[in-house]
């Protein structure tokens, strides 16, 4: 598992999206991992973090992973900075 250790929860630019994992909201349900296993993993605190392979996932898959989160901890913005989810 390789990830950016200085900023594991973002914000991170993935394709045309800017994605942020709100560590305060994350409950470690891992539903994001089930949907986008190349983007997410759980760290030693059971919080979702970005993997370096996130770029291999489609924008649709990353948005779907955000929608799968039971606590809406994944915030997604488009290229203009407009929040598109949640």
PDB file of N, CA and C in Angstrom:
ATOM      1  N   UNK A   1       0.853  -1.187   0.000  1.00  0.00           N
ATOM      2  CA  UNK A   1       0.000   0.000   0.000  1.00  0.00           C
ATOM      3  C   UNK A   1       0.890   1.238   0.000  1.00  0.00           C
ATOM      4  N   UNK A   2       0.807   2.031  -1.044  1.00  0.00           N
ATOM      5  CA  UNK A   2       1.577   3.260  -1.080  1.00  0.00           C
ATOM      6  C   UNK A   2       0.633   4.450  -1.125  1.00  0.00           C
ATOM      7  N   UNK A   3       0.973   5.460  -0.323  1.00  0.00           N
ATOM      8  CA  UNK A   3       0.145   6.653  -0.246  1.00  0.00           C
ATOM      9  C   UNK A   3       1.004   7.836   0.184  1.00  0.00           C
ATOM     10  N   UNK A   4       0.472   9.035  -0.010  1.00  0.00           N
ATOM     11  CA  UNK A   4       1.153  10.265   0.373  1.00  0.00           C
ATOM     12  C   UNK A   4       1.049  10.425   1.887  1.00  0.00           C
ATOM     13  N   UNK A   5       2.129  10.191   2.581  1.00  0.00           N
ATOM     14  CA  UNK A   5       2.100  10.197   4.044  1.00  0.00           C
ATOM     15  C   UNK A   5       1.916  11.586   4.640  1.00  0.00           C
ATOM     16  N   UNK A   6       2.279  12.633   3.905  1.00  0.00           N
ATOM     17  CA  UNK A   6       2.127  13.976   4.457  1.00  0.00           C
ATOM     18  C   UNK A   6       0.691  14.487   4.361  1.00  0.00           C
ATOM     19  N   UNK A   7      -0.076  13.970   3.409  1.00  0.00           N
ATOM     20  CA  UNK A   7      -1.453  14.431   3.230  1.00  0.00           C
ATOM     21  C   UNK A   7      -2.338  13.269   2.779  1.00  0.00           C
ATOM     22  N   UNK A   8      -2.507  12.252   3.621  1.00  0.00           N
ATOM     23  CA  UNK A   8      -3.201  11.036   3.180  1.00  0.00           C
ATOM     24  C   UNK A   8      -4.702  11.203   2.942  1.00  0.00           C
ATOM     25  N   UNK A   9      -5.307  12.290   3.446  1.00  0.00           N
ATOM     26  CA  UNK A   9      -6.751  12.469   3.321  1.00  0.00           C
ATOM     27  C   UNK A   9      -7.138  13.596   2.375  1.00  0.00           C
ATOM     28  N   UNK A  10      -6.162  14.162   1.691  1.00  0.00           N
ATOM     29  CA  UNK A  10      -6.446  15.202   0.710  1.00  0.00           C
ATOM     30  C   UNK A  10      -6.515  16.588   1.339  1.00  0.00           C
ATOM     31  N   UNK A  11      -6.969  17.584   0.600  1.00  0.00           N
ATOM     32  CA  UNK A  11      -7.558  17.443  -0.724  1.00  0.00           C
ATOM     33  C   UNK A  11      -6.551  16.931  -1.752  1.00  0.00           C
ATOM     34  N   UNK A  12      -7.091  16.140  -2.671  1.00  0.00           N
ATOM     35  CA  UNK A  12      -6.249  15.549  -3.711  1.00  0.00           C
ATOM     36  C   UNK A  12      -6.927  15.689  -5.060  1.00  0.00           C
ATOM     37  N   UNK A  13      -6.147  16.084  -6.039  1.00  0.00           N
ATOM     38  CA  UNK A  13      -6.636  16.218  -7.400  1.00  0.00           C
ATOM     39  C   UNK A  13      -6.588  14.832  -8.045  1.00  0.00           C
ATOM     40  N   UNK A  14      -7.740  14.345  -8.485  1.00  0.00           N
ATOM     41  CA  UNK A  14      -7.814  13.056  -9.174  1.00  0.00           C
ATOM     42  C   UNK A  14      -8.563  13.311 -10.480  1.00  0.00           C
ATOM     43  N   UNK A  15      -7.823  13.332 -11.566  1.00  0.00           N
ATOM     44  CA  UNK A  15      -8.436  13.696 -12.844  1.00  0.00           C
ATOM     45  C   UNK A  15      -8.939  15.124 -12.778  1.00  0.00           C
ATOM     46  N   UNK A  16     -10.210  15.316 -13.076  1.00  0.00           N
ATOM     47  CA  UNK A  16     -10.795  16.656 -13.044  1.00  0.00           C
ATOM     48  C   UNK A  16     -11.445  16.969 -11.704  1.00  0.00           C
ATOM     49  N   UNK A  17     -11.368  16.042 -10.771  1.00  0.00           N
ATOM     50  CA  UNK A  17     -12.009  16.223  -9.471  1.00  0.00           C
ATOM     51  C   UNK A  17     -10.997  16.595  -8.393  1.00  0.00           C
ATOM     52  N   UNK A  18     -11.464  17.337  -7.399  1.00  0.00           N
ATOM     53  CA  UNK A  18     -10.691  17.537  -6.177  1.00  0.00           C
ATOM     54  C   UNK A  18     -11.456  16.802  -5.085  1.00  0.00           C
ATOM     55  N   UNK A  19     -10.782  15.856  -4.441  1.00  0.00           N
ATOM     56  CA  UNK A  19     -11.434  14.963  -3.490  1.00  0.00           C
ATOM     57  C   UNK A  19     -10.789  15.125  -2.112  1.00  0.00           C
ATOM     58  N   UNK A  20     -11.644  15.229  -1.089  1.00  0.00           N
ATOM     59  CA  UNK A  20     -11.169  15.353   0.288  1.00  0.00           C
ATOM     60  C   UNK A  20     -11.883  14.332   1.155  1.00  0.00           C
ATOM     61  N   UNK A  21     -11.131  13.652   2.008  1.00  0.00           N
ATOM     62  CA  UNK A  21     -11.701  12.736   2.993  1.00  0.00           C
ATOM     63  C   UNK A  21     -11.738  13.468   4.330  1.00  0.00           C
ATOM     64  N   UNK A  22     -12.917  13.649   4.879  1.00  0.00           N
ATOM     65  CA  UNK A  22     -13.054  14.299   6.185  1.00  0.00           C
ATOM     66  C   UNK A  22     -12.801  13.255   7.273  1.00  0.00           C
ATOM     67  N   UNK A  23     -11.612  13.286   7.844  1.00  0.00           N
ATOM     68  CA  UNK A  23     -11.217  12.291   8.849  1.00  0.00           C
ATOM     69  C   UNK A  23     -12.089  12.345  10.098  1.00  0.00           C
ATOM     70  N   UNK A  24     -12.662  13.511  10.400  1.00  0.00           N
ATOM     71  CA  UNK A  24     -13.530  13.616  11.571  1.00  0.00           C
ATOM     72  C   UNK A  24     -14.850  12.888  11.358  1.00  0.00           C
ATOM     73  N   UNK A  25     -15.303  12.830  10.113  1.00  0.00           N
ATOM     74  CA  UNK A  25     -16.558  12.145   9.798  1.00  0.00           C
ATOM     75  C   UNK A  25     -16.370  10.652   9.539  1.00  0.00           C
ATOM     76  N   UNK A  26     -15.220  10.263   9.002  1.00  0.00           N
ATOM     77  CA  UNK A  26     -14.987   8.872   8.593  1.00  0.00           C
ATOM     78  C   UNK A  26     -15.136   7.919   9.780  1.00  0.00           C
ATOM     79  N   UNK A  27     -15.936   6.864   9.567  1.00  0.00           N
ATOM     80  CA  UNK A  27     -16.142   5.860  10.625  1.00  0.00           C
ATOM     81  C   UNK A  27     -15.511   4.513  10.271  1.00  0.00           C
ATOM     82  N   UNK A  28     -14.794   4.470   9.156  1.00  0.00           N
ATOM     83  CA  UNK A  28     -14.106   3.239   8.768  1.00  0.00           C
ATOM     84  C   UNK A  28     -15.015   2.142   8.267  1.00  0.00           C
ATOM     85  N   UNK A  29     -16.156   2.513   7.699  1.00  0.00           N
ATOM     86  CA  UNK A  29     -17.096   1.509   7.184  1.00  0.00           C
ATOM     87  C   UNK A  29     -16.520   0.757   5.990  1.00  0.00           C
ATOM     88  N   UNK A  30     -15.591   1.367   5.285  1.00  0.00           N
ATOM     89  CA  UNK A  30     -14.889   0.769   4.136  1.00  0.00           C
ATOM     90  C   UNK A  30     -15.775   0.570   2.913  1.00  0.00           C
ATOM     91  N   UNK A  31     -16.941   1.180   2.872  1.00  0.00           N
ATOM     92  CA  UNK A  31     -17.784   1.072   1.680  1.00  0.00           C
ATOM     93  C   UNK A  31     -17.116   1.767   0.494  1.00  0.00           C
ATOM     94  N   UNK A  32     -16.337   2.812   0.759  1.00  0.00           N
ATOM     95  CA  UNK A  32     -15.610   3.485  -0.328  1.00  0.00           C
ATOM     96  C   UNK A  32     -14.589   2.534  -0.955  1.00  0.00           C
ATOM     97  N   UNK A  33     -13.961   1.700  -0.143  1.00  0.00           N
ATOM     98  CA  UNK A  33     -12.970   0.744  -0.628  1.00  0.00           C
ATOM     99  C   UNK A  33     -13.638  -0.326  -1.490  1.00  0.00           C
ATOM    100  N   UNK A  34     -14.825  -0.761  -1.079  1.00  0.00           N
ATOM    101  CA  UNK A  34     -15.551  -1.772  -1.847  1.00  0.00           C
ATOM    102  C   UNK A  34     -15.862  -1.264  -3.256  1.00  0.00           C
ATOM    103  N   UNK A  35     -16.157   0.035  -3.374  1.00  0.00           N
ATOM    104  CA  UNK A  35     -16.507   0.623  -4.670  1.00  0.00           C
ATOM    105  C   UNK A  35     -15.265   1.029  -5.470  1.00  0.00           C
ATOM    106  N   UNK A  36     -14.264   1.592  -4.796  1.00  0.00           N
ATOM    107  CA  UNK A  36     -13.076   2.117  -5.475  1.00  0.00           C
ATOM    108  C   UNK A  36     -11.792   1.638  -4.789  1.00  0.00           C
ATOM    109  N   UNK A  37     -11.456   0.362  -4.952  1.00  0.00           N
ATOM    110  CA  UNK A  37     -10.306  -0.208  -4.236  1.00  0.00           C
ATOM    111  C   UNK A  37      -8.946   0.329  -4.677  1.00  0.00           C
ATOM    112  N   UNK A  38      -8.880   0.974  -5.843  1.00  0.00           N
ATOM    113  CA  UNK A  38      -7.607   1.571  -6.265  1.00  0.00           C
ATOM    114  C   UNK A  38      -7.430   2.981  -5.691  1.00  0.00           C
ATOM    115  N   UNK A  39      -8.506   3.532  -5.120  1.00  0.00           N
ATOM    116  CA  UNK A  39      -8.461   4.893  -4.587  1.00  0.00           C
ATOM    117  C   UNK A  39      -8.278   4.912  -3.077  1.00  0.00           C
ATOM    118  N   UNK A  40      -8.936   4.002  -2.370  1.00  0.00           N
ATOM    119  CA  UNK A  40      -9.003   4.077  -0.910  1.00  0.00           C
ATOM    120  C   UNK A  40      -8.416   2.859  -0.206  1.00  0.00           C
ATOM    121  N   UNK A  41      -7.941   3.106   1.007  1.00  0.00           N
ATOM    122  CA  UNK A  41      -7.534   2.057   1.945  1.00  0.00           C
ATOM    123  C   UNK A  41      -7.790   2.616   3.336  1.00  0.00           C
ATOM    124  N   UNK A  42      -7.782   1.755   4.342  1.00  0.00           N
ATOM    125  CA  UNK A  42      -7.907   2.232   5.722  1.00  0.00           C
ATOM    126  C   UNK A  42      -6.527   2.291   6.351  1.00  0.00           C
ATOM    127  N   UNK A  43      -6.268   3.374   7.093  1.00  0.00           N
ATOM    128  CA  UNK A  43      -4.986   3.486   7.785  1.00  0.00           C
ATOM    129  C   UNK A  43      -5.071   2.813   9.153  1.00  0.00           C
ATOM    130  N   UNK A  44      -4.052   2.973   9.975  1.00  0.00           N
ATOM    131  CA  UNK A  44      -4.021   2.291  11.274  1.00  0.00           C
ATOM    132  C   UNK A  44      -5.017   2.867  12.279  1.00  0.00           C
ATOM    133  N   UNK A  45      -5.691   3.972  11.924  1.00  0.00           N
ATOM    134  CA  UNK A  45      -6.756   4.538  12.761  1.00  0.00           C
ATOM    135  C   UNK A  45      -8.140   4.184  12.200  1.00  0.00           C
ATOM    136  N   UNK A  46      -8.174   3.284  11.205  1.00  0.00           N
ATOM    137  CA  UNK A  46      -9.408   2.880  10.521  1.00  0.00           C
ATOM    138  C   UNK A  46     -10.095   4.073   9.859  1.00  0.00           C
ATOM    139  N   UNK A  47      -9.295   4.951   9.282  1.00  0.00           N
ATOM    140  CA  UNK A  47      -9.793   6.094   8.516  1.00  0.00           C
ATOM    141  C   UNK A  47      -9.367   5.895   7.062  1.00  0.00           C
ATOM    142  N   UNK A  48     -10.233   6.273   6.143  1.00  0.00           N
ATOM    143  CA  UNK A  48      -9.917   6.103   4.721  1.00  0.00           C
ATOM    144  C   UNK A  48      -8.837   7.089   4.292  1.00  0.00           C
ATOM    145  N   UNK A  49      -7.903   6.593   3.490  1.00  0.00           N
ATOM    146  CA  UNK A  49      -6.835   7.415   2.933  1.00  0.00           C
ATOM    147  C   UNK A  49      -6.714   7.116   1.440  1.00  0.00           C
ATOM    148  N   UNK A  50      -6.135   8.074   0.715  1.00  0.00           N
ATOM    149  CA  UNK A  50      -5.916   7.905  -0.724  1.00  0.00           C
ATOM    150  C   UNK A  50      -4.753   6.975  -0.989  1.00  0.00           C
ATOM    151  N   UNK A  51      -4.919   6.127  -1.992  1.00  0.00           N
ATOM    152  CA  UNK A  51      -3.809   5.330  -2.497  1.00  0.00           C
ATOM    153  C   UNK A  51      -3.196   6.049  -3.693  1.00  0.00           C
ATOM    154  N   UNK A  52      -1.937   5.768  -3.967  1.00  0.00           N
ATOM    155  CA  UNK A  52      -1.268   6.377  -5.111  1.00  0.00           C
ATOM    156  C   UNK A  52      -1.847   5.910  -6.442  1.00  0.00           C
ATOM    157  N   UNK A  53      -2.657   4.854  -6.425  1.00  0.00           N
ATOM    158  CA  UNK A  53      -3.275   4.342  -7.649  1.00  0.00           C
ATOM    159  C   UNK A  53      -4.634   4.991  -7.932  1.00  0.00           C
ATOM    160  N   UNK A  54      -5.005   6.022  -7.185  1.00  0.00           N
ATOM    161  CA  UNK A  54      -6.307   6.684  -7.359  1.00  0.00           C
ATOM    162  C   UNK A  54      -6.527   7.162  -8.789  1.00  0.00           C
ATOM    163  N   UNK A  55      -5.460   7.575  -9.452  1.00  0.00           N
ATOM    164  CA  UNK A  55      -5.575   8.065 -10.837  1.00  0.00           C
ATOM    165  C   UNK A  55      -6.084   6.993 -11.794  1.00  0.00           C
ATOM    166  N   UNK A  56      -5.966   5.728 -11.407  1.00  0.00           N
ATOM    167  CA  UNK A  56      -6.421   4.627 -12.263  1.00  0.00           C
ATOM    168  C   UNK A  56      -7.940   4.441 -12.219  1.00  0.00           C
ATOM    169  N   UNK A  57      -8.594   5.094 -11.278  1.00  0.00           N
ATOM    170  CA  UNK A  57     -10.040   4.964 -11.097  1.00  0.00           C
ATOM    171  C   UNK A  57     -10.741   6.053 -11.917  1.00  0.00           C
ATOM    172  N   UNK A  58     -11.915   5.760 -12.453  1.00  0.00           N
ATOM    173  CA  UNK A  58     -12.664   6.770 -13.205  1.00  0.00           C
ATOM    174  C   UNK A  58     -13.313   7.769 -12.251  1.00  0.00           C
ATOM    175  N   UNK A  59     -13.610   8.954 -12.778  1.00  0.00           N
ATOM    176  CA  UNK A  59     -14.299   9.971 -11.973  1.00  0.00           C
ATOM    177  C   UNK A  59     -15.628   9.434 -11.456  1.00  0.00           C
ATOM    178  N   UNK A  60     -16.336   8.702 -12.316  1.00  0.00           N
ATOM    179  CA  UNK A  60     -17.637   8.142 -11.926  1.00  0.00           C
ATOM    180  C   UNK A  60     -17.483   7.185 -10.747  1.00  0.00           C
ATOM    181  N   UNK A  61     -16.442   6.372 -10.783  1.00  0.00           N
ATOM    182  CA  UNK A  61     -16.217   5.414  -9.699  1.00  0.00           C
ATOM    183  C   UNK A  61     -15.896   6.144  -8.398  1.00  0.00           C
ATOM    184  N   UNK A  62     -15.114   7.198  -8.480  1.00  0.00           N
ATOM    185  CA  UNK A  62     -14.781   7.952  -7.269  1.00  0.00           C
ATOM    186  C   UNK A  62     -16.022   8.635  -6.697  1.00  0.00           C
ATOM    187  N   UNK A  63     -16.862   9.182  -7.575  1.00  0.00           N
ATOM    188  CA  UNK A  63     -18.118   9.783  -7.108  1.00  0.00           C
ATOM    189  C   UNK A  63     -19.009   8.706  -6.489  1.00  0.00           C
ATOM    190  N   UNK A  64     -19.074   7.538  -7.122  1.00  0.00           N
ATOM    191  CA  UNK A  64     -19.854   6.431  -6.559  1.00  0.00           C
ATOM    192  C   UNK A  64     -19.326   6.011  -5.187  1.00  0.00           C
ATOM    193  N   UNK A  65     -18.002   6.057  -5.004  1.00  0.00           N
ATOM    194  CA  UNK A  65     -17.440   5.691  -3.701  1.00  0.00           C
ATOM    195  C   UNK A  65     -17.850   6.710  -2.643  1.00  0.00           C
ATOM    196  N   UNK A  66     -17.939   7.976  -3.034  1.00  0.00           N
ATOM    197  CA  UNK A  66     -18.398   9.009  -2.106  1.00  0.00           C
ATOM    198  C   UNK A  66     -19.863   8.784  -1.739  1.00  0.00           C
ATOM    199  N   UNK A  67     -20.671   8.419  -2.729  1.00  0.00           N
ATOM    200  CA  UNK A  67     -22.094   8.165  -2.489  1.00  0.00           C
ATOM    201  C   UNK A  67     -22.305   6.928  -1.610  1.00  0.00           C
ATOM    202  N   UNK A  68     -21.349   5.997  -1.649  1.00  0.00           N
ATOM    203  CA  UNK A  68     -21.465   4.784  -0.833  1.00  0.00           C
ATOM    204  C   UNK A  68     -21.145   5.031   0.636  1.00  0.00           C
ATOM    205  N   UNK A  69     -20.476   6.139   0.925  1.00  0.00           N
ATOM    206  CA  UNK A  69     -20.084   6.439   2.306  1.00  0.00           C
ATOM    207  C   UNK A  69     -21.324   6.731   3.155  1.00  0.00           C
ATOM    208  N   UNK A  70     -21.517   5.973   4.250  1.00  0.00           N
ATOM    209  CA  UNK A  70     -22.728   6.164   5.062  1.00  0.00           C
ATOM    210  C   UNK A  70     -22.763   7.479   5.837  1.00  0.00           C
ATOM    211  N   UNK A  71     -21.626   8.152   5.971  1.00  0.00           N
ATOM    212  CA  UNK A  71     -21.594   9.408   6.730  1.00  0.00           C
ATOM    213  C   UNK A  71     -21.178  10.607   5.874  1.00  0.00           C
ATOM    214  N   UNK A  72     -21.154  10.438   4.547  1.00  0.00           N
ATOM    215  CA  UNK A  72     -20.809  11.515   3.598  1.00  0.00           C
ATOM    216  C   UNK A  72     -19.490  12.189   3.959  1.00  0.00           C
ATOM    217  N   UNK A  73     -18.470  11.371   4.226  1.00  0.00           N
ATOM    218  CA  UNK A  73     -17.162  11.900   4.623  1.00  0.00           C
ATOM    219  C   UNK A  73     -16.283  12.260   3.426  1.00  0.00           C
ATOM    220  N   UNK A  74     -16.711  11.905   2.219  1.00  0.00           N
ATOM    221  CA  UNK A  74     -15.920  12.183   1.021  1.00  0.00           C
ATOM    222  C   UNK A  74     -16.539  13.376   0.308  1.00  0.00           C
ATOM    223  N   UNK A  75     -15.773  14.458   0.226  1.00  0.00           N
ATOM    224  CA  UNK A  75     -16.244  15.694  -0.394  1.00  0.00           C
ATOM    225  C   UNK A  75     -15.586  15.820  -1.759  1.00  0.00           C
ATOM    226  N   UNK A  76     -16.399  16.087  -2.778  1.00  0.00           N
ATOM    227  CA  UNK A  76     -15.891  16.171  -4.143  1.00  0.00           C
ATOM    228  C   UNK A  76     -16.251  17.521  -4.750  1.00  0.00           C
ATOM    229  N   UNK A  77     -15.230  18.141  -5.378  1.00  0.00           N
ATOM    230  CA  UNK A  77     -15.427  19.401  -6.080  1.00  0.00           C
ATOM    231  C   UNK A  77     -15.028  19.222  -7.539  1.00  0.00           C
ATOM    232  N   UNK A  78     -15.697  19.993  -8.422  1.00  0.00           N
ATOM    233  CA  UNK A  78     -15.340  19.926  -9.836  1.00  0.00           C
ATOM    234  C   UNK A  78     -14.185  20.885 -10.137  1.00  0.00           C
ATOM    235  N   UNK A  79     -13.847  21.044 -11.411  1.00  0.00           N
ATOM    236  CA  UNK A  79     -12.700  21.872 -11.796  1.00  0.00           C
ATOM    237  C   UNK A  79     -12.845  23.337 -11.407  1.00  0.00           C
ATOM    238  N   UNK A  80     -14.088  23.792 -11.269  1.00  0.00           N
ATOM    239  CA  UNK A  80     -14.318  25.197 -10.906  1.00  0.00           C
ATOM    240  C   UNK A  80     -14.298  25.406  -9.389  1.00  0.00           C
ATOM    241  N   UNK A  81     -14.198  24.309  -8.620  1.00  0.00           N
ATOM    242  CA  UNK A  81     -14.227  24.416  -7.174  1.00  0.00           C
ATOM    243  C   UNK A  81     -15.619  24.248  -6.587  1.00  0.00           C
ATOM    244  N   UNK A  82     -16.617  24.040  -7.471  1.00  0.00           N
ATOM    245  CA  UNK A  82     -18.001  23.841  -7.009  1.00  0.00           C
ATOM    246  C   UNK A  82     -18.113  22.455  -6.399  1.00  0.00           C
ATOM    247  N   UNK A  83     -18.710  22.389  -5.204  1.00  0.00           N
ATOM    248  CA  UNK A  83     -18.906  21.092  -4.551  1.00  0.00           C
ATOM    249  C   UNK A  83     -20.004  20.330  -5.260  1.00  0.00           C
ATOM    250  N   UNK A  84     -19.676  19.124  -5.734  1.00  0.00           N
ATOM    251  CA  UNK A  84     -20.666  18.327  -6.449  1.00  0.00           C
ATOM    252  C   UNK A  84     -21.167  17.152  -5.609  1.00  0.00           C
ATOM    253  N   UNK A  85     -20.464  16.837  -4.526  1.00  0.00           N
ATOM    254  CA  UNK A  85     -20.938  15.825  -3.586  1.00  0.00           C
ATOM    255  C   UNK A  85     -20.258  16.040  -2.248  1.00  0.00           C
ATOM    256  N   UNK A  86     -20.929  15.900  -1.120  1.00  0.00           N
ATOM    257  CA  UNK A  86     -22.380  15.683  -0.993  1.00  0.00           C
ATOM    258  C   UNK A  86     -23.132  16.969  -1.220  1.00  0.00           C
TER     259      UNK A  86
END
